[in-house]
Protein backbone atom coordinates (compact mmCIF):
# COMPACT_ATOMS: atom_id res chain seq x y z
CA MET A 1 89.97 7.13 85.79
CA THR A 2 90.94 6.31 82.45
CA GLY A 3 88.18 7.55 79.75
CA PRO A 4 87.41 9.96 77.09
CA CYS A 5 86.85 13.19 79.58
CA LYS A 6 88.32 14.53 82.58
CA PRO A 7 85.68 14.07 85.69
CA GLN A 8 85.00 17.43 87.13
CA THR A 9 84.26 16.71 91.27
CA LEU A 10 81.10 18.28 92.23
CA LEU A 11 81.00 16.80 95.63
CA ASP A 12 83.54 14.59 97.13
CA GLN A 13 81.08 12.90 100.02
CA PRO A 14 78.45 11.56 98.82
CA PRO A 15 80.65 11.26 95.45
CA LEU A 16 79.03 13.75 92.60
CA TRP A 17 80.91 14.14 89.20
CA ARG A 18 80.47 15.11 85.66
CA CYS A 19 82.16 14.16 82.67
CA ASP A 20 81.87 16.84 79.84
CA GLY A 21 82.31 15.67 76.20
CA PHE A 22 82.11 12.13 77.50
CA LEU A 23 80.18 11.79 73.82
CA ALA A 24 81.63 13.62 70.80
CA PRO A 25 79.29 16.39 69.58
CA GLY A 26 78.54 14.64 66.51
CA ASP A 27 77.89 10.86 68.46
CA ALA A 28 75.78 12.53 70.72
CA SER A 29 73.63 14.49 68.04
CA ARG A 30 73.31 11.24 65.91
CA LEU A 31 72.45 9.13 69.12
CA GLN A 32 69.85 11.61 69.94
CA SER A 33 68.00 11.50 66.42
CA THR A 34 68.42 7.91 66.88
CA LEU A 35 66.37 7.54 69.90
CA GLU A 36 63.79 10.23 68.81
CA HIS A 37 62.92 8.16 66.19
CA ALA A 38 63.24 4.44 67.12
CA LEU A 39 61.47 4.32 70.58
CA SER A 40 58.25 3.87 71.49
CA TRP A 41 57.95 6.73 73.92
CA GLN A 42 55.19 6.40 76.71
CA ARG A 43 53.75 8.56 78.97
CA PRO A 44 52.50 6.42 81.99
CA SER A 45 50.31 7.93 84.61
CA LEU A 46 51.31 7.68 88.33
CA SER A 47 49.34 7.58 91.29
CA LEU A 48 49.18 10.71 93.69
CA PHE A 49 46.69 11.04 96.70
CA GLY A 50 44.40 8.37 95.00
CA ARG A 51 44.15 10.08 91.58
CA HIS A 52 46.22 8.89 88.35
CA HIS A 53 48.30 11.80 86.68
CA PRO A 54 49.98 11.55 83.37
CA ILE A 55 53.63 12.26 83.73
CA PRO A 56 54.87 15.60 82.39
CA ARG A 57 57.48 13.76 80.16
CA ARG A 58 57.84 10.76 77.82
CA GLN A 59 59.89 7.50 78.77
CA VAL A 60 61.26 4.20 78.00
CA TRP A 61 62.26 1.70 80.59
CA MET A 62 64.77 -0.79 79.01
CA GLY A 63 67.09 -3.33 80.04
CA ASP A 64 67.61 -7.00 80.89
CA PRO A 65 64.44 -9.35 80.93
CA GLU A 66 64.69 -9.63 84.77
CA ALA A 67 65.00 -5.80 85.26
CA ARG A 68 61.52 -5.02 86.55
CA TYR A 69 60.95 -2.05 88.20
CA ARG A 70 58.17 -0.72 90.44
CA TYR A 71 57.51 2.69 90.96
CA SER A 72 54.19 4.76 92.37
CA GLY A 73 51.98 1.54 92.58
CA HIS A 74 53.28 0.50 88.82
CA ASP A 75 55.15 -2.36 87.47
CA PHE A 76 57.48 -1.39 84.64
CA MET A 77 58.72 -4.25 82.29
CA PRO A 78 61.87 -3.29 80.42
CA GLU A 79 61.98 -3.18 76.67
CA ALA A 80 64.72 -5.24 74.95
CA TRP A 81 67.87 -3.19 74.73
CA HIS A 82 68.32 -1.03 71.57
CA PRO A 83 71.66 -1.90 70.33
CA GLU A 84 73.04 1.70 70.44
CA VAL A 85 71.69 2.38 73.89
CA ALA A 86 73.56 -1.24 75.01
CA ASP A 87 76.57 -0.32 73.73
CA LEU A 88 76.81 2.89 75.36
CA ALA A 89 75.91 0.95 78.50
CA GLU A 90 79.21 -0.81 78.02
CA ARG A 91 81.57 2.33 77.65
CA VAL A 92 79.69 3.69 80.51
CA ASN A 93 80.55 0.81 82.52
CA LEU A 94 84.01 0.39 81.19
CA ALA A 95 84.95 4.39 81.86
CA LEU A 96 83.38 3.74 85.48
CA SER A 97 85.62 0.64 85.93
CA ALA A 98 88.75 2.03 86.75
CA GLN A 99 87.01 3.74 89.99
CA GLY A 100 86.79 0.51 91.46
CA ASP A 101 84.14 -2.71 91.53
CA ILE A 102 80.87 -1.44 90.37
CA PRO A 103 77.56 -3.51 89.47
CA ARG A 104 77.12 -3.82 85.66
CA PHE A 105 74.01 -1.80 84.76
CA ASN A 106 71.53 -3.84 83.51
CA SER A 107 68.63 -1.27 82.91
CA VAL A 108 68.20 2.27 81.92
CA LEU A 109 65.25 4.95 82.20
CA LEU A 110 65.35 6.85 79.30
CA ASN A 111 63.28 10.45 79.64
CA ARG A 112 62.22 12.77 76.51
CA TYR A 113 61.61 16.24 77.68
CA ALA A 114 59.94 17.83 74.53
CA SER A 115 60.41 21.58 75.80
CA GLY A 116 61.55 23.23 78.96
CA GLU A 117 58.23 22.93 80.28
CA GLU A 118 58.28 19.49 80.60
CA ARG A 119 59.64 18.22 84.18
CA MET A 120 60.88 15.78 86.94
CA GLY A 121 59.81 16.56 90.33
CA TRP A 122 61.72 16.34 93.22
CA HIS A 123 62.81 12.57 94.07
CA SER A 124 65.57 10.27 95.03
CA ASP A 125 66.20 7.24 93.04
CA ASP A 126 65.78 5.08 96.24
CA GLU A 127 63.66 2.10 95.28
CA PRO A 128 64.37 -0.94 97.04
CA GLU A 129 65.60 -2.83 93.42
CA LEU A 130 68.35 -0.53 93.36
CA GLY A 131 70.04 -1.34 96.79
CA HIS A 132 71.02 0.55 99.67
CA ALA A 133 73.61 2.50 98.07
CA PRO A 134 72.84 2.57 94.26
CA LEU A 135 75.40 4.14 91.72
CA ILE A 136 73.50 5.91 88.94
CA ALA A 137 75.15 7.29 85.64
CA ALA A 138 73.23 9.61 83.46
CA ILE A 139 73.80 10.71 79.87
CA SER A 140 72.60 13.95 78.69
CA LEU A 141 71.36 14.73 75.20
CA GLY A 142 70.15 17.98 73.83
CA SER A 143 69.28 20.84 75.11
CA GLU A 144 71.17 21.66 77.99
CA ARG A 145 69.35 22.18 81.38
CA PRO A 146 70.18 22.27 85.05
CA LEU A 147 69.46 19.51 87.46
CA ARG A 148 68.73 21.11 90.95
CA PHE A 149 70.18 19.23 93.79
CA ARG A 150 68.92 19.73 97.46
CA TRP A 151 69.95 18.00 101.05
CA ARG A 152 67.47 16.34 102.51
CA ASP A 153 68.25 17.52 105.72
CA ARG A 154 68.62 21.30 104.24
CA ARG A 155 72.41 21.18 105.76
CA ALA A 156 73.34 23.47 102.88
CA PRO A 157 71.75 25.64 99.83
CA ALA A 158 70.34 23.81 97.10
CA PHE A 159 72.70 24.18 93.81
CA ASN A 160 72.39 23.42 89.81
CA VAL A 161 74.51 20.82 87.79
CA SER A 162 74.46 21.95 84.20
CA LEU A 163 73.91 19.06 81.84
CA PRO A 164 75.63 19.73 78.67
CA HIS A 165 75.09 17.85 75.61
CA GLY A 166 76.80 14.41 75.36
CA SER A 167 77.91 14.82 78.93
CA LEU A 168 78.27 11.79 81.85
CA LEU A 169 76.66 12.62 85.45
CA VAL A 170 77.70 10.22 88.19
CA MET A 171 75.83 9.78 91.56
CA GLY A 172 77.76 7.77 93.54
CA ALA A 173 76.79 5.82 96.78
CA GLY A 174 75.22 7.76 99.23
CA VAL A 175 73.71 10.64 96.68
CA GLN A 176 70.41 8.93 96.75
CA HIS A 177 70.34 8.62 100.58
CA GLN A 178 71.31 12.32 101.23
CA LEU A 179 70.34 14.17 98.15
CA GLN A 180 67.16 14.93 96.20
CA HIS A 181 67.38 16.21 92.65
CA ALA A 182 64.61 17.56 90.29
CA LEU A 183 64.43 18.92 86.37
CA LEU A 184 62.53 21.87 86.96
CA PRO A 185 60.73 23.54 84.14
CA ARG A 186 62.87 26.36 82.27
CA ARG A 187 61.40 28.34 79.34
CA GLY A 188 63.28 28.66 76.07
CA HIS A 189 64.51 25.13 75.87
CA GLY A 190 64.15 22.46 73.39
CA ILE A 191 64.17 18.91 73.37
CA ARG A 192 66.29 17.02 75.92
CA ILE A 193 67.05 13.12 76.49
CA SER A 194 68.47 11.74 79.61
CA LEU A 195 69.36 8.11 80.11
CA THR A 196 69.89 7.18 83.67
CA PHE A 197 71.93 3.74 83.92
CA ARG A 198 71.04 1.58 86.69
CA HIS A 199 71.65 -1.71 88.34
CA ILE A 200 68.48 -3.80 89.52
CA ILE A 201 69.14 -6.08 92.25
CA GLY A 202 66.18 -8.48 92.17
CA GLN A 203 62.59 -9.36 90.86
CA HIS A 204 59.32 -8.64 92.51
């Protein structure tokens, strides 16, 4: 692979790897500040057992006009690409292209965690719109927090993956089928923004 950083293999199969320093510290900090102030962060409610609950973070769904996404009974229509996020998507695509033929990322979910108390529960990114074996690339900005992984069949112990400021985490084909992940609460942590780039394969 050619790119701005050396990949660290976390799992061989399914492929899970991370590049620290994908964004230089100054570039990562400037992008975080831009996104903090330029985006209209939302807190939608999701359905759980017939009741609506606001998610414990804020988010923005962004991408090409046709990149509509359905989650927990709600349709999410993408906001137009912010220019700096679009440029970052192209950089990530270029970095991954050395790994082989990958689909162009046409959307990104941005999550903003105001503190270590805000979180993301256990889940896999396996919605039909993502295809049967999606590749997902995540950029982390701000406070470093671990992403917790567990095997669906509990074949091995759960494990943490640290997500430093400016790092790139790549979840390759099979990760969403075999594992779940969560961002669990961590006291004392500050603001964190994640950008998870995806390829939506079709419309509803």
